[in-house]
Structures are given as structure tokens and as C-alpha cells.
């Protein structure tokens, strides 16, 4: 099979011809039709992610495709079933193995690109806003990085949950994308004082932040008493330090969310979350915004789109 693999930390991906992987106990082999691209893939290639696969490896942690074979002890899904699956790494290839428990059958009418774009981005936002932050209808939700692959889903799900959504993103075109997903208020941090703009709207009850850096600091100071703040990632490159005195004075909660860890300690929570997401999709209440679809050989370009913040919504690689 063909696979885009990394041979040295910090290096470039290389197209290799390698034997397909063999599914181990409890695993299935998937013929990959589409693979979602995530900022975590770029961190993994730099050796800066929580998970560090052995070299050489293919990035790509979420795929859609067809079950090709079952490993020992795997009781399904059956061969030929179309599934979405979390594989952790290896998705930039024509075949990948994934735990059978991490595979979810997808509707016949769902395009592979949608299925590949749905898991990490929508899963993270649904888990963060629903399970962790307990977002309530009528609350004011501030979404930083609101036009990115994850931030855009937070805008969409926050609005679906009845929140008043403030979207923060750079540039008129990116803000327009957030508006189309339901944002009530738009802020460009390049031309507007983020803290003052949010306070003028009444402050934030929940902050969803995949950016970090200066925007996190501004959002922290624009948060209302008893607000919940959710650090999702640090696309700015700066992991901010959280001053405990501000948490104390304003009675704030800071809630960490690492979606992938739930597969290890609470897979039932993720299964319930993904069922809700698929239900919303079937009802037409959510639709992934896939801005770029690139062939396997251009996986390096796909990663550069994310690293350079040039993508709005989701980037997908297709073998």
C-alpha cells in the first residue's frame, strides 16, 4: 500500500510503498477512503504531542472507510461495513488498523469526507461544551479561533445548544464563515480589543479556546463570575500560565479537555457523544465545513494549511 510517513522528528512526509498492516487482537483493518487532518498531527510530527508513535509512522488519527478484515477476537463491525474510526495515527495511508470498539458504522448517505471530518472536531466540541462545561441555553459563549476546524464546530454546537455565540477570528472572510454557522457576534482580534469587545457584550459565561497566548489572557479578563474556561489547544504556540488569583477573585473554573484520553478511561462517554453527533447530522442540524480535500500525496500541504492557519473548517486527505 501507499503511505505518507514521517522518518525523522521535524522532517517532511515521504510517500512509501509498504505492506498493509495486520489487525491484532480486537482490531479491524480499514480500507481508508478519507482521513481528517488535525492540528495534533502537526504536533505529533514535531514530537510535541501527548502520543509519540515509533518512527517511521504515518500521521492521521481519524478515518472513514470500509472494514476489510477482522483481527483475532474482533466481533465486528463485519467486513464491508462503512465506518468512521479513531486510529490515533496511520490514517495517511490506503489501509489502517483501529480497535473494533473505536469503529462506528456510518449511514450510507454520509459522504466519506463528512465522516472523516466529524469525529475529532465535533467530538471535542460536544464533549467540551456539553459534558465538561455544562453549557446552558441563554449563556454567552466566546469561541476563539472560531473559523478553524475545531472552533467552527464549537460555534455550530454552541448555537444548537441555545447559547449566544461570540466568534473571534482573523479577517472578514473567516468571520463570515463563523456567521454562517450561527455566530451572533463577530470579533477580529487584529482590529478590535478582544477584552473590551466581549465586556461590551456582557462578558463570557463559557470560553472555548483552541488558540492560547494573548487571546486566552484577554478572554480570562472578559469572563463573568463563575464562568467556565476550556483550553482545547495552543495554536498560537504559547501555552499561557493561569493566574490563580484571577480564578479566586472571579470564582472561575478552568476545565481541561483531551478528547482522545476518553477512549482509555471512559469510552462510554465518547460513544454517547458520537451518537448524539450522528443524530444531529441525520436531522440536518449540523454539517461539517470541509474547506480543503487533498490527495494522499499532498498530505504535507494539508498539514501546512493547518499550521499556517490558512484553512477555514476541516481539511481532509483522500487516498
Protein backbone atom coordinates (compact mmCIF):
# COMPACT_ATOMS: atom_id res chain seq x y z
CA UNK A 1 0.00 0.00 0.00
CA UNK A 2 0.96 3.67 -0.26
CA UNK A 3 1.52 5.64 2.93
CA UNK A 4 2.77 9.15 3.69
CA UNK A 5 5.20 8.53 6.54
CA UNK A 6 7.49 10.56 8.78
CA UNK A 7 11.01 9.16 9.15
CA UNK A 8 12.52 11.75 11.50
CA UNK A 9 11.03 14.16 14.02
CA UNK A 10 10.71 17.58 12.45
CA UNK A 11 11.20 16.19 8.94
CA UNK A 12 8.90 16.04 5.93
CA UNK A 13 6.47 13.30 5.00
CA UNK A 14 7.60 10.79 2.37
CA UNK A 15 5.45 8.61 0.12
CA UNK A 16 6.38 4.98 0.85
CA UNK A 17 5.28 1.63 -0.54
CA UNK A 18 4.82 -0.69 2.47
CA UNK A 19 2.91 -3.88 3.28
CA UNK A 20 -0.58 -3.28 4.68
CA UNK A 21 -0.77 -3.61 8.48
CA UNK A 22 -2.20 -6.78 10.01
CA UNK A 23 -5.05 -6.33 12.51
CA UNK A 24 -4.17 -7.51 16.00
CA UNK A 25 -6.49 -8.89 18.70
CA UNK A 26 -9.67 -6.85 18.89
CA UNK A 27 -8.74 -4.76 15.85
CA UNK A 28 -10.12 -4.33 12.35
CA UNK A 29 -8.34 -3.46 9.11
CA UNK A 30 -9.90 -0.48 7.31
CA UNK A 31 -9.53 0.47 3.66
CA UNK A 32 -9.22 4.24 4.07
CA UNK A 33 -11.49 6.43 1.96
CA UNK A 34 -10.80 9.72 3.77
CA UNK A 35 -8.70 10.93 6.69
CA UNK A 36 -9.35 14.07 8.72
CA UNK A 37 -6.35 16.32 9.34
CA UNK A 38 -5.86 17.80 12.80
CA UNK A 39 -3.53 20.30 14.42
CA UNK A 40 -2.45 17.44 16.68
CA UNK A 41 -0.91 15.76 13.61
CA UNK A 42 1.47 18.70 13.22
CA UNK A 43 2.44 18.47 16.89
CA UNK A 44 2.98 14.72 16.61
CA UNK A 45 5.41 15.27 13.73
CA UNK A 46 7.40 17.67 15.92
CA UNK A 47 7.44 15.27 18.87
CA UNK A 48 5.34 17.73 20.89
CA UNK A 49 2.11 15.71 21.24
CA UNK A 50 0.96 13.56 24.16
CA UNK A 51 1.18 10.45 21.96
CA UNK A 52 4.54 9.64 20.33
CA UNK A 53 4.32 6.80 17.76
CA UNK A 54 7.51 4.94 16.87
CA UNK A 55 9.26 6.09 13.70
CA UNK A 56 8.58 5.77 10.86
CA UNK A 57 4.85 6.43 11.11
CA UNK A 58 2.01 7.91 9.11
CA UNK A 59 0.05 10.70 10.83
CA UNK A 60 -3.74 10.78 10.60
CA UNK A 61 -5.84 9.98 13.66
CA UNK A 62 -9.42 9.85 12.31
CA UNK A 63 -10.57 8.00 9.21
CA UNK A 64 -13.60 6.89 7.28
CA UNK A 65 -13.58 3.80 5.12
CA UNK A 66 -14.63 0.18 4.77
CA UNK A 67 -13.78 -2.71 7.06
CA UNK A 68 -11.51 -5.04 5.07
CA UNK A 69 -10.66 -7.71 7.69
CA UNK A 70 -11.11 -8.56 11.36
CA UNK A 71 -8.32 -9.45 13.75
CA UNK A 72 -8.48 -12.25 16.35
CA UNK A 73 -11.30 -11.76 18.82
CA UNK A 74 -12.87 -8.81 16.99
CA UNK A 75 -16.63 -9.42 16.80
CA UNK A 76 -17.41 -6.64 14.35
CA UNK A 77 -18.13 -4.50 12.50
CA UNK A 78 -18.35 -7.04 9.70
CA UNK A 79 -16.18 -6.86 6.59
CA UNK A 80 -17.69 -4.48 4.06
CA UNK A 81 -19.20 -2.17 6.70
CA UNK A 82 -18.60 1.55 6.18
CA UNK A 83 -17.25 3.03 9.39
CA UNK A 84 -15.76 6.11 10.99
CA UNK A 85 -12.90 5.22 13.32
CA UNK A 86 -10.29 6.70 15.60
CA UNK A 87 -6.92 5.11 14.88
CA UNK A 88 -4.62 7.53 16.71
CA UNK A 89 -2.11 7.53 13.84
CA UNK A 90 -1.65 5.80 10.50
CA UNK A 91 -4.56 7.34 8.60
CA UNK A 92 -2.40 8.89 5.86
CA UNK A 93 -2.37 5.55 4.08
CA UNK A 94 -4.52 3.24 1.99
CA UNK A 95 -5.10 0.87 4.93
CA UNK A 96 -5.01 1.34 8.70
CA UNK A 97 -5.87 -0.73 11.77
CA UNK A 98 -8.17 0.52 14.52
CA UNK A 99 -9.74 -1.01 17.63
CA UNK A 100 -13.09 -2.53 16.76
CA UNK A 101 -14.56 -0.65 19.73
CA UNK A 102 -13.47 2.63 18.13
CA UNK A 103 -15.38 1.96 14.88
CA UNK A 104 -18.85 3.40 14.38
CA UNK A 105 -20.98 2.38 11.37
CA UNK A 106 -21.97 5.40 9.29
CA UNK A 107 -25.13 5.98 7.23
CA UNK A 108 -25.00 5.08 3.55
CA UNK A 109 -25.89 8.64 2.62
CA UNK A 110 -22.99 10.19 4.58
CA UNK A 111 -20.03 11.11 2.34
CA UNK A 112 -16.65 9.75 3.42
CA UNK A 113 -15.26 13.29 3.71
CA UNK A 114 -18.02 14.26 6.14
CA UNK A 115 -17.49 11.13 8.23
CA UNK A 116 -13.74 11.77 8.40
CA UNK A 117 -14.32 15.39 9.40
CA UNK A 118 -16.88 14.67 12.09
CA UNK A 119 -15.09 12.80 14.85
CA UNK A 120 -12.33 14.85 16.47
CA UNK A 121 -13.67 18.35 15.76
CA UNK A 122 -17.34 17.79 16.59
CA UNK A 123 -16.50 15.22 19.25
CA UNK A 124 -14.19 17.64 21.04
CA UNK A 125 -16.73 20.46 20.97
CA UNK A 126 -19.69 18.34 22.05
CA UNK A 127 -17.72 16.80 24.89
CA UNK A 128 -16.26 20.15 25.99
CA UNK A 129 -19.44 22.20 25.85
CA UNK A 130 -21.89 19.53 26.98
CA UNK A 131 -20.10 17.08 29.26
CA UNK A 132 -17.42 19.36 30.73
CA UNK A 133 -18.71 22.96 30.66
CA UNK A 134 -22.42 22.11 31.01
CA UNK A 135 -23.33 24.95 28.65
CA UNK A 136 -26.90 26.13 29.18
CA UNK A 137 -29.32 27.82 26.81
CA UNK A 138 -29.11 31.58 27.11
CA UNK A 139 -25.50 31.66 28.27
CA UNK A 140 -22.88 33.66 26.38
CA UNK A 141 -20.22 31.50 24.70
CA UNK A 142 -16.95 33.01 23.46
CA UNK A 143 -15.21 30.89 20.81
CA UNK A 144 -11.60 31.77 19.98
CA UNK A 145 -10.17 30.53 16.68
CA UNK A 146 -13.78 30.35 15.58
CA UNK A 147 -13.08 29.69 11.88
CA UNK A 148 -10.72 26.77 12.44
CA UNK A 149 -11.63 23.10 12.19
CA UNK A 150 -12.46 22.75 15.89
CA UNK A 151 -13.58 26.30 16.65
CA UNK A 152 -16.15 26.31 13.88
CA UNK A 153 -17.83 23.22 15.34
CA UNK A 154 -17.99 24.96 18.74
CA UNK A 155 -19.85 27.85 17.11
CA UNK A 156 -22.29 25.43 15.48
CA UNK A 157 -22.86 23.23 18.53
CA UNK A 158 -23.00 26.19 20.92
CA UNK A 159 -25.75 27.75 18.84
CA UNK A 160 -27.55 24.40 18.61
CA UNK A 161 -27.45 24.22 22.44
CA UNK A 162 -29.11 27.63 22.69
CA UNK A 163 -26.13 29.82 23.59
CA UNK A 164 -25.46 33.38 22.44
CA UNK A 165 -22.23 32.87 20.48
CA UNK A 166 -19.36 35.35 20.15
CA UNK A 167 -16.94 34.28 17.41
CA UNK A 168 -13.36 35.53 17.40
CA UNK A 169 -11.31 35.04 14.20
CA UNK A 170 -8.90 36.96 11.99
CA UNK A 171 -10.21 38.53 8.78
CA UNK A 172 -13.63 39.27 7.30
CA UNK A 173 -13.80 36.05 5.27
CA UNK A 174 -13.15 33.82 8.30
CA UNK A 175 -15.63 35.74 10.41
CA UNK A 176 -18.23 35.35 7.67
CA UNK A 177 -17.73 31.58 7.81
CA UNK A 178 -18.43 31.69 11.57
CA UNK A 179 -21.50 33.84 10.98
CA UNK A 180 -22.86 31.29 8.51
CA UNK A 181 -22.56 28.64 11.25
CA UNK A 182 -24.70 30.74 13.59
CA UNK A 183 -22.42 33.19 15.43
CA UNK A 184 -24.37 36.12 16.89
CA UNK A 185 -21.38 38.47 17.31
CA UNK A 186 -18.09 38.70 15.39
CA UNK A 187 -14.74 40.00 16.69
CA UNK A 188 -11.50 40.38 14.75
CA UNK A 189 -8.67 40.47 17.33
CA UNK A 190 -6.38 42.15 14.79
CA UNK A 191 -8.50 45.31 14.72
CA UNK A 192 -10.51 45.15 17.96
CA UNK A 193 -9.62 44.96 21.65
CA UNK A 194 -10.93 41.47 22.44
CA UNK A 195 -11.40 42.04 26.15
CA UNK A 196 -13.28 45.32 25.74
CA UNK A 197 -15.44 43.96 22.92
CA UNK A 198 -16.54 40.93 24.95
CA UNK A 199 -17.20 43.00 28.07
CA UNK A 200 -19.30 45.40 25.99
CA UNK A 201 -21.48 42.43 25.02
CA UNK A 202 -21.95 41.46 28.67
CA UNK A 203 -18.92 39.21 29.26
CA UNK A 204 -18.46 35.49 28.61
CA UNK A 205 -20.07 32.69 30.63
CA UNK A 206 -18.10 29.98 28.79
CA UNK A 207 -14.82 30.40 26.87
CA UNK A 208 -13.75 27.80 24.27
CA UNK A 209 -10.09 28.29 23.40
CA UNK A 210 -8.01 26.32 20.87
CA UNK A 211 -5.60 29.26 20.49
CA UNK A 212 -3.95 30.17 23.80
CA UNK A 213 -1.49 33.05 24.02
CA UNK A 214 -2.70 36.64 24.26
CA UNK A 215 -6.27 35.77 23.30
CA UNK A 216 -6.56 33.46 26.32
CA UNK A 217 -5.35 36.27 28.60
CA UNK A 218 -7.90 38.68 27.18
CA UNK A 219 -10.71 36.12 27.44
CA UNK A 220 -9.80 35.35 31.06
CA UNK A 221 -10.29 39.01 31.94
CA UNK A 222 -13.54 39.22 29.99
CA UNK A 223 -15.06 36.21 31.75
CA UNK A 224 -18.06 36.67 34.03
CA UNK A 225 -18.09 35.45 37.64
CA UNK A 226 -18.42 31.64 37.76
CA UNK A 227 -17.55 31.37 34.06
CA UNK A 228 -16.09 28.12 32.76
CA UNK A 229 -12.99 28.33 30.55
CA UNK A 230 -11.95 25.43 28.33
CA UNK A 231 -8.38 25.27 26.98
CA UNK A 232 -8.61 22.97 23.94
CA UNK A 233 -5.19 23.65 22.41
CA UNK A 234 -2.49 26.21 21.81
CA UNK A 235 -2.40 27.02 18.09
CA UNK A 236 -0.68 30.33 18.88
CA UNK A 237 2.36 28.38 20.08
CA UNK A 238 2.08 29.85 23.58
CA UNK A 239 0.75 27.80 26.49
CA UNK A 240 -0.48 30.51 28.88
CA UNK A 241 0.06 30.33 32.60
CA UNK A 242 -3.18 30.69 34.55
CA UNK A 243 -3.01 33.18 37.44
CA UNK A 244 -4.73 31.60 40.41
CA UNK A 245 -5.59 34.99 41.91
CA UNK A 246 -7.94 35.75 38.98
CA UNK A 247 -9.60 32.35 39.35
CA UNK A 248 -10.09 33.03 43.05
CA UNK A 249 -11.42 36.59 42.76
CA UNK A 250 -13.84 35.79 39.91
CA UNK A 251 -14.76 32.24 41.05
CA UNK A 252 -13.77 30.76 37.69
CA UNK A 253 -13.46 27.13 36.55
CA UNK A 254 -10.75 26.08 34.09
CA UNK A 255 -11.65 22.74 32.50
CA UNK A 256 -9.06 20.77 30.57
CA UNK A 257 -10.36 18.66 27.68
CA UNK A 258 -8.26 15.99 25.97
CA UNK A 259 -10.82 14.14 23.89
CA UNK A 260 -8.60 11.19 22.92
CA UNK A 261 -7.95 10.22 26.53
CA UNK A 262 -11.61 9.24 26.98
CA UNK A 263 -11.02 6.16 24.82
CA UNK A 264 -8.84 4.86 27.65
CA UNK A 265 -10.71 5.85 30.81
CA UNK A 266 -14.34 6.48 29.78
CA UNK A 267 -15.13 5.16 26.27
CA UNK A 268 -18.86 5.12 27.10
CA UNK A 269 -18.84 8.92 27.33
CA UNK A 270 -17.40 9.19 23.82
CA UNK A 271 -19.80 6.61 22.41
CA UNK A 272 -22.78 8.54 23.78
CA UNK A 273 -21.33 11.80 22.48
CA UNK A 274 -20.80 10.44 18.97
CA UNK A 275 -24.31 9.01 18.87
CA UNK A 276 -25.66 12.49 19.60
CA UNK A 277 -23.48 13.95 16.85
CA UNK A 278 -24.65 11.38 14.30
CA UNK A 279 -28.24 12.10 15.34
CA UNK A 280 -27.75 15.82 14.75
CA UNK A 281 -26.19 15.04 11.37
CA UNK A 282 -29.08 12.76 10.37
CA UNK A 283 -31.54 15.52 11.34
CA UNK A 284 -29.65 18.05 9.22
CA UNK A 285 -28.80 20.19 12.26
CA UNK A 286 -25.02 20.06 11.72
CA UNK A 287 -22.90 19.82 8.58
CA UNK A 288 -19.09 19.67 8.56
CA UNK A 289 -17.45 22.57 6.75
CA UNK A 290 -14.75 20.83 4.69
CA UNK A 291 -12.70 23.59 3.12
CA UNK A 292 -9.94 21.50 1.50
CA UNK A 293 -9.75 17.93 0.15
CA UNK A 294 -6.28 16.85 -0.98
CA UNK A 295 -4.89 13.61 -2.42
CA UNK A 296 -2.68 11.41 -0.26
CA UNK A 297 0.49 12.61 -1.99
CA UNK A 298 -0.33 16.18 -0.90
CA UNK A 299 -0.73 15.34 2.80
CA UNK A 300 2.21 17.62 3.60
CA UNK A 301 0.35 20.54 2.02
CA UNK A 302 -2.74 19.63 4.06
CA UNK A 303 -0.72 19.92 7.27
CA UNK A 304 0.76 23.25 6.15
CA UNK A 305 -2.75 24.64 5.65
CA UNK A 306 -3.45 23.99 9.33
CA UNK A 307 -0.06 25.08 10.63
CA UNK A 308 -0.32 28.34 8.68
CA UNK A 309 -3.96 28.91 9.74
CA UNK A 310 -4.99 29.13 6.09
CA UNK A 311 -7.86 26.65 6.32
CA UNK A 312 -11.40 27.52 7.34
CA UNK A 313 -13.12 24.46 8.74
CA UNK A 314 -11.78 20.99 8.12
CA UNK A 315 -9.02 19.65 5.87
CA UNK A 316 -9.33 16.06 4.60
CA UNK A 317 -6.86 13.76 2.83
CA UNK A 318 -8.15 11.07 0.44
CA UNK A 319 -6.10 8.08 -0.80
